Amino acid sequence: MGKPHPLELRQRVVAHVEAGNTHRSAAARFDVSVKFVNDMVRLKRSTGSLAPRPQGNGGWSKLGAYDDWARERLARECDLTQEGLARALYAEHGVRVAVSSVGYWLHRLGLTHKKNAARG
């Protein structure tokens, strides 16, 4: 994900438009896209500020509420696969997720391990 444009640039672009110039002329003058100019004018109009909004999803996960459940379940059944865990999650809690999401979830919880023939 890219960095947001500097606040000074945002202010100069909006000031140029507020001075009566078109969005296209602001885009050409400051070497930005017309969409950026539109977005900045809309942001200023709706919030009164030009500060960039937070990026990303903020760490929200629909599986986050079941972290303790997953640890307990894997402690009881150490040979449970990701697919098995996804099925158990649906059967017990009604939460339907992709197997790959379970893999990312377990990795975030630190509950992954490499397969090794020596482990038995």
PDB file of N, CA and C in Angstrom:
ATOM      1  N   MET A   1       0.844  -1.164   0.000  1.00  0.00           N
ATOM      2  CA  MET A   1       0.000   0.000   0.000  1.00  0.00           C
ATOM      3  C   MET A   1       0.896   1.236   0.000  1.00  0.00           C
ATOM      4  N   GLY A   2       0.544   2.177  -0.854  1.00  0.00           N
ATOM      5  CA  GLY A   2       1.362   3.373  -0.977  1.00  0.00           C
ATOM      6  C   GLY A   2       1.140   4.362   0.151  1.00  0.00           C
ATOM      7  N   LYS A   3       2.040   5.325   0.207  1.00  0.00           N
ATOM      8  CA  LYS A   3       1.920   6.374   1.219  1.00  0.00           C
ATOM      9  C   LYS A   3       0.920   7.427   0.750  1.00  0.00           C
ATOM     10  N   PRO A   4       0.220   8.064   1.677  1.00  0.00           N
ATOM     11  CA  PRO A   4      -0.677   9.152   1.282  1.00  0.00           C
ATOM     12  C   PRO A   4       0.121  10.383   0.842  1.00  0.00           C
ATOM     13  N   HIS A   5      -0.484  11.188  -0.017  1.00  0.00           N
ATOM     14  CA  HIS A   5       0.166  12.429  -0.452  1.00  0.00           C
ATOM     15  C   HIS A   5       0.348  13.359   0.749  1.00  0.00           C
ATOM     16  N   PRO A   6       1.390  14.187   0.726  1.00  0.00           N
ATOM     17  CA  PRO A   6       1.633  15.110   1.844  1.00  0.00           C
ATOM     18  C   PRO A   6       0.464  16.079   2.041  1.00  0.00           C
ATOM     19  N   LEU A   7       0.284  16.484   3.279  1.00  0.00           N
ATOM     20  CA  LEU A   7      -0.804  17.390   3.633  1.00  0.00           C
ATOM     21  C   LEU A   7      -0.671  18.724   2.906  1.00  0.00           C
ATOM     22  N   GLU A   8       0.560  19.214   2.729  1.00  0.00           N
ATOM     23  CA  GLU A   8       0.779  20.490   2.040  1.00  0.00           C
ATOM     24  C   GLU A   8       0.268  20.431   0.604  1.00  0.00           C
ATOM     25  N   LEU A   9       0.537  19.334  -0.092  1.00  0.00           N
ATOM     26  CA  LEU A   9       0.057  19.171  -1.462  1.00  0.00           C
ATOM     27  C   LEU A   9      -1.469  19.143  -1.491  1.00  0.00           C
ATOM     28  N   ARG A  10      -2.054  18.424  -0.573  1.00  0.00           N
ATOM     29  CA  ARG A  10      -3.511  18.345  -0.492  1.00  0.00           C
ATOM     30  C   ARG A  10      -4.112  19.750  -0.308  1.00  0.00           C
ATOM     31  N   GLN A  11      -3.508  20.535   0.583  1.00  0.00           N
ATOM     32  CA  GLN A  11      -4.007  21.889   0.851  1.00  0.00           C
ATOM     33  C   GLN A  11      -3.869  22.788  -0.374  1.00  0.00           C
ATOM     34  N   ARG A  12      -2.748  22.685  -1.068  1.00  0.00           N
ATOM     35  CA  ARG A  12      -2.516  23.522  -2.237  1.00  0.00           C
ATOM     36  C   ARG A  12      -3.478  23.171  -3.368  1.00  0.00           C
ATOM     37  N   VAL A  13      -3.744  21.874  -3.542  1.00  0.00           N
ATOM     38  CA  VAL A  13      -4.673  21.437  -4.588  1.00  0.00           C
ATOM     39  C   VAL A  13      -6.071  21.972  -4.312  1.00  0.00           C
ATOM     40  N   VAL A  14      -6.543  21.810  -3.082  1.00  0.00           N
ATOM     41  CA  VAL A  14      -7.889  22.268  -2.730  1.00  0.00           C
ATOM     42  C   VAL A  14      -7.973  23.795  -2.802  1.00  0.00           C
ATOM     43  N   ALA A  15      -6.938  24.484  -2.366  1.00  0.00           N
ATOM     44  CA  ALA A  15      -6.938  25.952  -2.435  1.00  0.00           C
ATOM     45  C   ALA A  15      -7.024  26.422  -3.890  1.00  0.00           C
ATOM     46  N   HIS A  16      -6.355  25.710  -4.786  1.00  0.00           N
ATOM     47  CA  HIS A  16      -6.383  26.050  -6.209  1.00  0.00           C
ATOM     48  C   HIS A  16      -7.807  25.911  -6.760  1.00  0.00           C
ATOM     49  N   VAL A  17      -8.496  24.850  -6.364  1.00  0.00           N
ATOM     50  CA  VAL A  17      -9.876  24.638  -6.813  1.00  0.00           C
ATOM     51  C   VAL A  17     -10.804  25.672  -6.186  1.00  0.00           C
ATOM     52  N   GLU A  18     -10.596  25.950  -4.901  1.00  0.00           N
ATOM     53  CA  GLU A  18     -11.450  26.927  -4.215  1.00  0.00           C
ATOM     54  C   GLU A  18     -11.255  28.345  -4.759  1.00  0.00           C
ATOM     55  N   ALA A  19     -10.120  28.590  -5.408  1.00  0.00           N
ATOM     56  CA  ALA A  19      -9.856  29.899  -6.009  1.00  0.00           C
ATOM     57  C   ALA A  19     -10.587  30.063  -7.336  1.00  0.00           C
ATOM     58  N   GLY A  20     -11.342  29.052  -7.730  1.00  0.00           N
ATOM     59  CA  GLY A  20     -12.139  29.162  -8.944  1.00  0.00           C
ATOM     60  C   GLY A  20     -11.611  28.390 -10.131  1.00  0.00           C
ATOM     61  N   ASN A  21     -10.551  27.645  -9.957  1.00  0.00           N
ATOM     62  CA  ASN A  21      -9.991  26.865 -11.056  1.00  0.00           C
ATOM     63  C   ASN A  21     -10.685  25.501 -11.155  1.00  0.00           C
ATOM     64  N   THR A  22     -10.541  24.875 -12.311  1.00  0.00           N
ATOM     65  CA  THR A  22     -11.179  23.574 -12.529  1.00  0.00           C
ATOM     66  C   THR A  22     -10.340  22.460 -11.905  1.00  0.00           C
ATOM     67  N   HIS A  23     -10.974  21.339 -11.752  1.00  0.00           N
ATOM     68  CA  HIS A  23     -10.269  20.170 -11.219  1.00  0.00           C
ATOM     69  C   HIS A  23      -9.182  19.708 -12.188  1.00  0.00           C
ATOM     70  N   ARG A  24      -9.461  19.806 -13.484  1.00  0.00           N
ATOM     71  CA  ARG A  24      -8.465  19.398 -14.479  1.00  0.00           C
ATOM     72  C   ARG A  24      -7.231  20.307 -14.439  1.00  0.00           C
ATOM     73  N   SER A  25      -7.442  21.600 -14.259  1.00  0.00           N
ATOM     74  CA  SER A  25      -6.285  22.505 -14.217  1.00  0.00           C
ATOM     75  C   SER A  25      -5.471  22.272 -12.941  1.00  0.00           C
ATOM     76  N   ALA A  26      -6.155  21.960 -11.848  1.00  0.00           N
ATOM     77  CA  ALA A  26      -5.431  21.647 -10.606  1.00  0.00           C
ATOM     78  C   ALA A  26      -4.612  20.380 -10.777  1.00  0.00           C
ATOM     79  N   ALA A  27      -5.199  19.386 -11.437  1.00  0.00           N
ATOM     80  CA  ALA A  27      -4.477  18.130 -11.662  1.00  0.00           C
ATOM     81  C   ALA A  27      -3.241  18.355 -12.525  1.00  0.00           C
ATOM     82  N   ALA A  28      -3.389  19.161 -13.564  1.00  0.00           N
ATOM     83  CA  ALA A  28      -2.254  19.430 -14.449  1.00  0.00           C
ATOM     84  C   ALA A  28      -1.184  20.255 -13.744  1.00  0.00           C
ATOM     85  N   ARG A  29      -1.600  21.247 -12.987  1.00  0.00           N
ATOM     86  CA  ARG A  29      -0.635  22.130 -12.319  1.00  0.00           C
ATOM     87  C   ARG A  29       0.187  21.395 -11.261  1.00  0.00           C
ATOM     88  N   PHE A  30      -0.452  20.517 -10.489  1.00  0.00           N
ATOM     89  CA  PHE A  30       0.247  19.840  -9.388  1.00  0.00           C
ATOM     90  C   PHE A  30       0.681  18.414  -9.740  1.00  0.00           C
ATOM     91  N   ASP A  31       0.502  18.040 -11.002  1.00  0.00           N
ATOM     92  CA  ASP A  31       0.931  16.736 -11.504  1.00  0.00           C
ATOM     93  C   ASP A  31       0.324  15.580 -10.692  1.00  0.00           C
ATOM     94  N   VAL A  32      -0.982  15.648 -10.500  1.00  0.00           N
ATOM     95  CA  VAL A  32      -1.731  14.578  -9.833  1.00  0.00           C
ATOM     96  C   VAL A  32      -2.911  14.222 -10.734  1.00  0.00           C
ATOM     97  N   SER A  33      -3.624  13.179 -10.381  1.00  0.00           N
ATOM     98  CA  SER A  33      -4.766  12.768 -11.191  1.00  0.00           C
ATOM     99  C   SER A  33      -5.996  13.611 -10.858  1.00  0.00           C
ATOM    100  N   VAL A  34      -6.921  13.641 -11.806  1.00  0.00           N
ATOM    101  CA  VAL A  34      -8.174  14.358 -11.580  1.00  0.00           C
ATOM    102  C   VAL A  34      -8.947  13.679 -10.449  1.00  0.00           C
ATOM    103  N   LYS A  35      -8.858  12.352 -10.365  1.00  0.00           N
ATOM    104  CA  LYS A  35      -9.526  11.628  -9.291  1.00  0.00           C
ATOM    105  C   LYS A  35      -9.008  12.071  -7.926  1.00  0.00           C
ATOM    106  N   PHE A  36      -7.693  12.268  -7.819  1.00  0.00           N
ATOM    107  CA  PHE A  36      -7.121  12.747  -6.564  1.00  0.00           C
ATOM    108  C   PHE A  36      -7.703  14.108  -6.196  1.00  0.00           C
ATOM    109  N   VAL A  37      -7.799  14.992  -7.165  1.00  0.00           N
ATOM    110  CA  VAL A  37      -8.362  16.323  -6.909  1.00  0.00           C
ATOM    111  C   VAL A  37      -9.813  16.188  -6.459  1.00  0.00           C
ATOM    112  N   ASN A  38     -10.578  15.366  -7.168  1.00  0.00           N
ATOM    113  CA  ASN A  38     -11.982  15.138  -6.791  1.00  0.00           C
ATOM    114  C   ASN A  38     -12.082  14.604  -5.366  1.00  0.00           C
ATOM    115  N   ASP A  39     -11.242  13.622  -5.052  1.00  0.00           N
ATOM    116  CA  ASP A  39     -11.260  13.016  -3.712  1.00  0.00           C
ATOM    117  C   ASP A  39     -10.909  14.026  -2.632  1.00  0.00           C
ATOM    118  N   MET A  40      -9.943  14.889  -2.887  1.00  0.00           N
ATOM    119  CA  MET A  40      -9.531  15.870  -1.887  1.00  0.00           C
ATOM    120  C   MET A  40     -10.619  16.919  -1.658  1.00  0.00           C
ATOM    121  N   VAL A  41     -11.258  17.366  -2.727  1.00  0.00           N
ATOM    122  CA  VAL A  41     -12.338  18.345  -2.595  1.00  0.00           C
ATOM    123  C   VAL A  41     -13.501  17.718  -1.829  1.00  0.00           C
ATOM    124  N   ARG A  42     -13.824  16.473  -2.154  1.00  0.00           N
ATOM    125  CA  ARG A  42     -14.903  15.767  -1.464  1.00  0.00           C
ATOM    126  C   ARG A  42     -14.558  15.545   0.012  1.00  0.00           C
ATOM    127  N   LEU A  43     -13.299  15.180   0.305  1.00  0.00           N
ATOM    128  CA  LEU A  43     -12.863  14.964   1.687  1.00  0.00           C
ATOM    129  C   LEU A  43     -12.965  16.252   2.492  1.00  0.00           C
ATOM    130  N   LYS A  44     -12.524  17.355   1.904  1.00  0.00           N
ATOM    131  CA  LYS A  44     -12.585  18.658   2.582  1.00  0.00           C
ATOM    132  C   LYS A  44     -14.033  19.060   2.848  1.00  0.00           C
ATOM    133  N   ARG A  45     -14.900  18.793   1.876  1.00  0.00           N
ATOM    134  CA  ARG A  45     -16.307  19.155   2.006  1.00  0.00           C
ATOM    135  C   ARG A  45     -17.000  18.314   3.082  1.00  0.00           C
ATOM    136  N   SER A  46     -16.678  17.030   3.151  1.00  0.00           N
ATOM    137  CA  SER A  46     -17.395  16.139   4.081  1.00  0.00           C
ATOM    138  C   SER A  46     -16.835  16.173   5.501  1.00  0.00           C
ATOM    139  N   THR A  47     -15.522  16.323   5.658  1.00  0.00           N
ATOM    140  CA  THR A  47     -14.933  16.258   6.999  1.00  0.00           C
ATOM    141  C   THR A  47     -14.381  17.586   7.488  1.00  0.00           C
ATOM    142  N   GLY A  48     -14.119  18.489   6.563  1.00  0.00           N
ATOM    143  CA  GLY A  48     -13.519  19.763   6.948  1.00  0.00           C
ATOM    144  C   GLY A  48     -12.014  19.675   7.132  1.00  0.00           C
ATOM    145  N   SER A  49     -11.456  18.499   6.887  1.00  0.00           N
ATOM    146  CA  SER A  49     -10.028  18.277   7.067  1.00  0.00           C
ATOM    147  C   SER A  49      -9.470  17.585   5.828  1.00  0.00           C
ATOM    148  N   LEU A  50      -8.181  17.703   5.626  1.00  0.00           N
ATOM    149  CA  LEU A  50      -7.520  17.015   4.522  1.00  0.00           C
ATOM    150  C   LEU A  50      -6.554  15.943   5.019  1.00  0.00           C
ATOM    151  N   ALA A  51      -6.628  15.627   6.304  1.00  0.00           N
ATOM    152  CA  ALA A  51      -5.741  14.602   6.865  1.00  0.00           C
ATOM    153  C   ALA A  51      -6.070  13.251   6.232  1.00  0.00           C
ATOM    154  N   PRO A  52      -5.041  12.466   5.920  1.00  0.00           N
ATOM    155  CA  PRO A  52      -5.303  11.164   5.307  1.00  0.00           C
ATOM    156  C   PRO A  52      -6.040  10.234   6.263  1.00  0.00           C
ATOM    157  N   ARG A  53      -6.907   9.432   5.709  1.00  0.00           N
ATOM    158  CA  ARG A  53      -7.641   8.448   6.504  1.00  0.00           C
ATOM    159  C   ARG A  53      -6.737   7.265   6.790  1.00  0.00           C
ATOM    160  N   PRO A  54      -6.999   6.511   7.868  1.00  0.00           N
ATOM    161  CA  PRO A  54      -6.195   5.323   8.151  1.00  0.00           C
ATOM    162  C   PRO A  54      -6.319   4.303   7.024  1.00  0.00           C
ATOM    163  N   GLN A  55      -5.226   3.627   6.727  1.00  0.00           N
ATOM    164  CA  GLN A  55      -5.222   2.623   5.668  1.00  0.00           C
ATOM    165  C   GLN A  55      -5.305   1.232   6.282  1.00  0.00           C
ATOM    166  N   GLY A  56      -5.803   0.300   5.519  1.00  0.00           N
ATOM    167  CA  GLY A  56      -5.885  -1.086   5.970  1.00  0.00           C
ATOM    168  C   GLY A  56      -7.164  -1.349   6.732  1.00  0.00           C
ATOM    169  N   ASN A  57      -7.294  -2.579   7.215  1.00  0.00           N
ATOM    170  CA  ASN A  57      -8.526  -2.959   7.898  1.00  0.00           C
ATOM    171  C   ASN A  57      -8.434  -2.858   9.408  1.00  0.00           C
ATOM    172  N   GLY A  58      -7.327  -2.405   9.945  1.00  0.00           N
ATOM    173  CA  GLY A  58      -7.217  -2.219  11.387  1.00  0.00           C
ATOM    174  C   GLY A  58      -7.087  -3.495  12.187  1.00  0.00           C
ATOM    175  N   GLY A  59      -6.794  -4.594  11.524  1.00  0.00           N
ATOM    176  CA  GLY A  59      -6.577  -5.850  12.236  1.00  0.00           C
ATOM    177  C   GLY A  59      -7.846  -6.601  12.595  1.00  0.00           C
ATOM    178  N   TRP A  60      -8.984  -6.188  12.049  1.00  0.00           N
ATOM    179  CA  TRP A  60     -10.231  -6.860  12.345  1.00  0.00           C
ATOM    180  C   TRP A  60     -10.273  -8.211  11.650  1.00  0.00           C
ATOM    181  N   SER A  61     -10.766  -9.202  12.348  1.00  0.00           N
ATOM    182  CA  SER A  61     -10.918 -10.531  11.774  1.00  0.00           C
ATOM    183  C   SER A  61     -12.153 -11.177  12.369  1.00  0.00           C
ATOM    184  N   LYS A  62     -12.951 -11.835  11.527  1.00  0.00           N
ATOM    185  CA  LYS A  62     -14.126 -12.500  12.076  1.00  0.00           C
ATOM    186  C   LYS A  62     -13.738 -13.732  12.871  1.00  0.00           C
ATOM    187  N   LEU A  63     -12.494 -14.162  12.766  1.00  0.00           N
ATOM    188  CA  LEU A  63     -12.019 -15.318  13.538  1.00  0.00           C
ATOM    189  C   LEU A  63     -11.396 -14.902  14.863  1.00  0.00           C
ATOM    190  N   GLY A  64     -11.145 -13.628  15.065  1.00  0.00           N
ATOM    191  CA  GLY A  64     -10.481 -13.150  16.277  1.00  0.00           C
ATOM    192  C   GLY A  64     -11.201 -13.519  17.558  1.00  0.00           C
ATOM    193  N   ALA A  65     -12.512 -13.617  17.511  1.00  0.00           N
ATOM    194  CA  ALA A  65     -13.291 -13.942  18.706  1.00  0.00           C
ATOM    195  C   ALA A  65     -13.128 -15.405  19.119  1.00  0.00           C
ATOM    196  N   TYR A  66     -12.556 -16.207  18.237  1.00  0.00           N
ATOM    197  CA  TYR A  66     -12.438 -17.647  18.507  1.00  0.00           C
ATOM    198  C   TYR A  66     -10.990 -18.090  18.743  1.00  0.00           C
ATOM    199  N   ASP A  67     -10.110 -17.140  19.068  1.00  0.00           N
ATOM    200  CA  ASP A  67      -8.699 -17.469  19.295  1.00  0.00           C
ATOM    201  C   ASP A  67      -8.523 -18.517  20.405  1.00  0.00           C
ATOM    202  N   ASP A  68      -9.161 -18.298  21.550  1.00  0.00           N
ATOM    203  CA  ASP A  68      -9.033 -19.239  22.671  1.00  0.00           C
ATOM    204  C   ASP A  68      -9.635 -20.588  22.315  1.00  0.00           C
ATOM    205  N   TRP A  69     -10.747 -20.573  21.610  1.00  0.00           N
ATOM    206  CA  TRP A  69     -11.383 -21.829  21.189  1.00  0.00           C
ATOM    207  C   TRP A  69     -10.431 -22.639  20.316  1.00  0.00           C
ATOM    208  N   ALA A  70      -9.736 -21.973  19.385  1.00  0.00           N
ATOM    209  CA  ALA A  70      -8.808 -22.672  18.494  1.00  0.00           C
ATOM    210  C   ALA A  70      -7.643 -23.259  19.272  1.00  0.00           C
ATOM    211  N   ARG A  71      -7.105 -22.507  20.226  1.00  0.00           N
ATOM    212  CA  ARG A  71      -5.991 -23.034  21.026  1.00  0.00           C
ATOM    213  C   ARG A  71      -6.415 -24.273  21.806  1.00  0.00           C
ATOM    214  N   GLU A  72      -7.598 -24.208  22.429  1.00  0.00           N
ATOM    215  CA  GLU A  72      -8.096 -25.363  23.195  1.00  0.00           C
ATOM    216  C   GLU A  72      -8.354 -26.552  22.280  1.00  0.00           C
ATOM    217  N   ARG A  73      -8.964 -26.289  21.138  1.00  0.00           N
ATOM    218  CA  ARG A  73      -9.297 -27.368  20.208  1.00  0.00           C
ATOM    219  C   ARG A  73      -8.041 -28.043  19.686  1.00  0.00           C
ATOM    220  N   LEU A  74      -7.020 -27.265  19.351  1.00  0.00           N
ATOM    221  CA  LEU A  74      -5.778 -27.853  18.844  1.00  0.00           C
ATOM    222  C   LEU A  74      -4.980 -28.527  19.953  1.00  0.00           C
ATOM    223  N   ALA A  75      -5.140 -28.098  21.197  1.00  0.00           N
ATOM    224  CA  ALA A  75      -4.475 -28.782  22.311  1.00  0.00           C
ATOM    225  C   ALA A  75      -5.103 -30.165  22.518  1.00  0.00           C
ATOM    226  N   ARG A  76      -6.430 -30.257  22.337  1.00  0.00           N
ATOM    227  CA  ARG A  76      -7.128 -31.533  22.470  1.00  0.00           C
ATOM    228  C   ARG A  76      -6.849 -32.467  21.303  1.00  0.00           C
ATOM    229  N   GLU A  77      -6.900 -31.932  20.097  1.00  0.00           N
ATOM    230  CA  GLU A  77      -6.713 -32.725  18.881  1.00  0.00           C
ATOM    231  C   GLU A  77      -5.527 -32.163  18.106  1.00  0.00           C
ATOM    232  N   CYS A  78      -4.331 -32.607  18.428  1.00  0.00           N
ATOM    233  CA  CYS A  78      -3.127 -32.020  17.834  1.00  0.00           C
ATOM    234  C   CYS A  78      -2.974 -32.371  16.354  1.00  0.00           C
ATOM    235  N   ASP A  79      -3.666 -33.397  15.865  1.00  0.00           N
ATOM    236  CA  ASP A  79      -3.548 -33.771  14.460  1.00  0.00           C
ATOM    237  C   ASP A  79      -4.665 -33.191  13.595  1.00  0.00           C
ATOM    238  N   LEU A  80      -5.390 -32.212  14.105  1.00  0.00           N
ATOM    239  CA  LEU A  80      -6.487 -31.587  13.377  1.00  0.00           C
ATOM    240  C   LEU A  80      -5.934 -30.753  12.228  1.00  0.00           C
ATOM    241  N   THR A  81      -6.493 -30.940  11.050  1.00  0.00           N
ATOM    242  CA  THR A  81      -6.037 -30.188   9.880  1.00  0.00           C
ATOM    243  C   THR A  81      -6.743 -28.836   9.813  1.00  0.00           C
ATOM    244  N   GLN A  82      -6.262 -27.989   8.922  1.00  0.00           N
ATOM    245  CA  GLN A  82      -6.911 -26.688   8.735  1.00  0.00           C
ATOM    246  C   GLN A  82      -8.336 -26.879   8.227  1.00  0.00           C
ATOM    247  N   GLU A  83      -8.517 -27.830   7.336  1.00  0.00           N
ATOM    248  CA  GLU A  83      -9.854 -28.104   6.820  1.00  0.00           C
ATOM    249  C   GLU A  83     -10.757 -28.618   7.936  1.00  0.00           C
ATOM    250  N   GLY A  84     -10.226 -29.486   8.786  1.00  0.00           N
ATOM    251  CA  GLY A  84     -10.995 -29.996   9.916  1.00  0.00           C
ATOM    252  C   GLY A  84     -11.365 -28.893  10.896  1.00  0.00           C
ATOM    253  N   LEU A  85     -10.467 -27.985  11.103  1.00  0.00           N
ATOM    254  CA  LEU A  85     -10.736 -26.866  12.002  1.00  0.00           C
ATOM    255  C   LEU A  85     -11.805 -25.940  11.406  1.00  0.00           C
ATOM    256  N   ALA A  86     -11.756 -25.737  10.097  1.00  0.00           N
ATOM    257  CA  ALA A  86     -12.771 -24.913   9.437  1.00  0.00           C
ATOM    258  C   ALA A  86     -14.144 -25.580   9.555  1.00  0.00           C
ATOM    259  N   ARG A  87     -14.197 -26.880   9.389  1.00  0.00           N
ATOM    260  CA  ARG A  87     -15.470 -27.602   9.525  1.00  0.00           C
ATOM    261  C   ARG A  87     -15.987 -27.533  10.962  1.00  0.00           C
ATOM    262  N   ALA A  88     -15.091 -27.704  11.930  1.00  0.00           N
ATOM    263  CA  ALA A  88     -15.490 -27.647  13.337  1.00  0.00           C
ATOM    264  C   ALA A  88     -15.986 -26.250  13.710  1.00  0.00           C
ATOM    265  N   LEU A  89     -15.352 -25.257  13.164  1.00  0.00           N
ATOM    266  CA  LEU A  89     -15.768 -23.874  13.421  1.00  0.00           C
ATOM    267  C   LEU A  89     -17.183 -23.629  12.889  1.00  0.00           C
ATOM    268  N   TYR A  90     -17.477 -24.195  11.725  1.00  0.00           N
ATOM    269  CA  TYR A  90     -18.819 -24.044  11.165  1.00  0.00           C
ATOM    270  C   TYR A  90     -19.838 -24.854  11.962  1.00  0.00           C
ATOM    271  N   ALA A  91     -19.471 -26.081  12.343  1.00  0.00           N
ATOM    272  CA  ALA A  91     -20.401 -26.948  13.067  1.00  0.00           C
ATOM    273  C   ALA A  91     -20.725 -26.408  14.463  1.00  0.00           C
ATOM    274  N   GLU A  92     -19.737 -25.880  15.155  1.00  0.00           N
ATOM    275  CA  GLU A  92     -19.941 -25.435  16.534  1.00  0.00           C
ATOM    276  C   GLU A  92     -20.397 -23.976  16.655  1.00  0.00           C
ATOM    277  N   HIS A  93     -19.927 -23.124  15.731  1.00  0.00           N
ATOM    278  CA  HIS A  93     -20.200 -21.688  15.869  1.00  0.00           C
ATOM    279  C   HIS A  93     -20.954 -21.084  14.686  1.00  0.00           C
ATOM    280  N   GLY A  94     -21.125 -21.848  13.617  1.00  0.00           N
ATOM    281  CA  GLY A  94     -21.832 -21.333  12.447  1.00  0.00           C
ATOM    282  C   GLY A  94     -21.034 -20.332  11.638  1.00  0.00           C
ATOM    283  N   VAL A  95     -19.715 -20.331  11.808  1.00  0.00           N
ATOM    284  CA  VAL A  95     -18.847 -19.393  11.089  1.00  0.00           C
ATOM    285  C   VAL A  95     -18.222 -20.131   9.915  1.00  0.00           C
ATOM    286  N   ARG A  96     -18.543 -19.664   8.700  1.00  0.00           N
ATOM    287  CA  ARG A  96     -18.019 -20.302   7.491  1.00  0.00           C
ATOM    288  C   ARG A  96     -16.823 -19.494   6.994  1.00  0.00           C
ATOM    289  N   VAL A  97     -15.667 -20.160   6.878  1.00  0.00           N
ATOM    290  CA  VAL A  97     -14.450 -19.503   6.401  1.00  0.00           C
ATOM    291  C   VAL A  97     -13.721 -20.423   5.440  1.00  0.00           C
ATOM    292  N   ALA A  98     -12.875 -19.841   4.622  1.00  0.00           N
ATOM    293  CA  ALA A  98     -12.049 -20.615   3.705  1.00  0.00           C
ATOM    294  C   ALA A  98     -10.904 -21.262   4.481  1.00  0.00           C
ATOM    295  N   VAL A  99     -10.438 -22.374   3.965  1.00  0.00           N
ATOM    296  CA  VAL A  99      -9.333 -23.089   4.612  1.00  0.00           C
ATOM    297  C   VAL A  99      -8.085 -22.209   4.652  1.00  0.00           C
ATOM    298  N   SER A 100      -7.874 -21.419   3.608  1.00  0.00           N
ATOM    299  CA  SER A 100      -6.699 -20.535   3.595  1.00  0.00           C
ATOM    300  C   SER A 100      -6.795 -19.491   4.706  1.00  0.00           C
ATOM    301  N   SER A 101      -8.004 -19.034   5.013  1.00  0.00           N
ATOM    302  CA  SER A 101      -8.182 -18.069   6.108  1.00  0.00           C
ATOM    303  C   SER A 101      -7.811 -18.704   7.435  1.00  0.00           C
ATOM    304  N   VAL A 102      -8.136 -19.978   7.608  1.00  0.00           N
ATOM    305  CA  VAL A 102      -7.762 -20.697   8.830  1.00  0.00           C
ATOM    306  C   VAL A 102      -6.245 -20.768   8.930  1.00  0.00           C
ATOM    307  N   GLY A 103      -5.572 -20.993   7.794  1.00  0.00           N
ATOM    308  CA  GLY A 103      -4.113 -21.035   7.794  1.00  0.00           C
ATOM    309  C   GLY A 103      -3.498 -19.727   8.230  1.00  0.00           C
ATOM    310  N   TYR A 104      -4.006 -18.610   7.697  1.00  0.00           N
ATOM    311  CA  TYR A 104      -3.507 -17.290   8.102  1.00  0.00           C
ATOM    312  C   TYR A 104      -3.791 -17.021   9.578  1.00  0.00           C
ATOM    313  N   TRP A 105      -4.965 -17.440  10.027  1.00  0.00           N
ATOM    314  CA  TRP A 105      -5.376 -17.269  11.422  1.00  0.00           C
ATOM    315  C   TRP A 105      -4.439 -18.026  12.351  1.00  0.00           C
ATOM    316  N   LEU A 106      -4.155 -19.280  12.024  1.00  0.00           N
ATOM    317  CA  LEU A 106      -3.258 -20.086  12.862  1.00  0.00           C
ATOM    318  C   LEU A 106      -1.841 -19.511  12.861  1.00  0.00           C
ATOM    319  N   HIS A 107      -1.421 -19.008  11.720  1.00  0.00           N
ATOM    320  CA  HIS A 107      -0.089 -18.400  11.650  1.00  0.00           C
ATOM    321  C   HIS A 107      -0.016 -17.173  12.554  1.00  0.00           C
ATOM    322  N   ARG A 108      -1.075 -16.351  12.541  1.00  0.00           N
ATOM    323  CA  ARG A 108      -1.122 -15.158  13.397  1.00  0.00           C
ATOM    324  C   ARG A 108      -1.094 -15.547  14.872  1.00  0.00           C
ATOM    325  N   LEU A 109      -1.719 -16.697  15.197  1.00  0.00           N
ATOM    326  CA  LEU A 109      -1.738 -17.161  16.583  1.00  0.00           C
ATOM    327  C   LEU A 109      -0.446 -17.882  16.982  1.00  0.00           C
ATOM    328  N   GLY A 110       0.417 -18.126  16.007  1.00  0.00           N
ATOM    329  CA  GLY A 110       1.667 -18.837  16.292  1.00  0.00           C
ATOM    330  C   GLY A 110       1.461 -20.322  16.488  1.00  0.00           C
ATOM    331  N   LEU A 111       0.428 -20.876  15.882  1.00  0.00           N
ATOM    332  CA  LEU A 111       0.096 -22.285  16.073  1.00  0.00           C
ATOM    333  C   LEU A 111       0.441 -23.139  14.862  1.00  0.00           C
ATOM    334  N   THR A 112       1.372 -22.701  14.056  1.00  0.00           N
ATOM    335  CA  THR A 112       1.749 -23.477  12.886  1.00  0.00           C
ATOM    336  C   THR A 112       3.018 -24.261  13.173  1.00  0.00           C
ATOM    337  N   HIS A 113       3.227 -25.288  12.414  1.00  0.00           N
ATOM    338  CA  HIS A 113       4.471 -26.057  12.526  1.00  0.00           C
ATOM    339  C   HIS A 113       4.807 -26.632  11.167  1.00  0.00           C
ATOM    340  N   LYS A 114       6.084 -26.862  10.951  1.00  0.00           N
ATOM    341  CA  LYS A 114       6.514 -27.474   9.711  1.00  0.00           C
ATOM    342  C   LYS A 114       6.347 -28.971   9.835  1.00  0.00           C
ATOM    343  N   LYS A 115       5.922 -29.584   8.746  1.00  0.00           N
ATOM    344  CA  LYS A 115       5.807 -31.038   8.751  1.00  0.00           C
ATOM    345  C   LYS A 115       7.195 -31.614   8.693  1.00  0.00           C
ATOM    346  N   ASN A 116       7.428 -32.658   9.467  1.00  0.00           N
ATOM    347  CA  ASN A 116       8.743 -33.254   9.555  1.00  0.00           C
ATOM    348  C   ASN A 116       8.558 -34.755   9.736  1.00  0.00           C
ATOM    349  N   ALA A 117       9.129 -35.547   8.861  1.00  0.00           N
ATOM    350  CA  ALA A 117       8.984 -36.999   8.942  1.00  0.00           C
ATOM    351  C   ALA A 117       9.587 -37.552  10.227  1.00  0.00           C
ATOM    352  N   ALA A 118      10.559 -36.892  10.805  1.00  0.00           N
ATOM    353  CA  ALA A 118      11.214 -37.362  12.016  1.00  0.00           C
ATOM    354  C   ALA A 118      10.314 -37.248  13.246  1.00  0.00           C
ATOM    355  N   ARG A 119       9.294 -36.396  13.176  1.00  0.00           N
ATOM    356  CA  ARG A 119       8.400 -36.219  14.335  1.00  0.00           C
ATOM    357  C   ARG A 119       7.509 -37.419  14.567  1.00  0.00           C
ATOM    358  N   GLY A 120       7.234 -38.150  13.520  1.00  0.00           N
ATOM    359  CA  GLY A 120       6.416 -39.364  13.670  1.00  0.00           C
ATOM    360  C   GLY A 120       5.051 -39.126  13.454  1.00  0.00           C
TER     361      GLY A 120
END
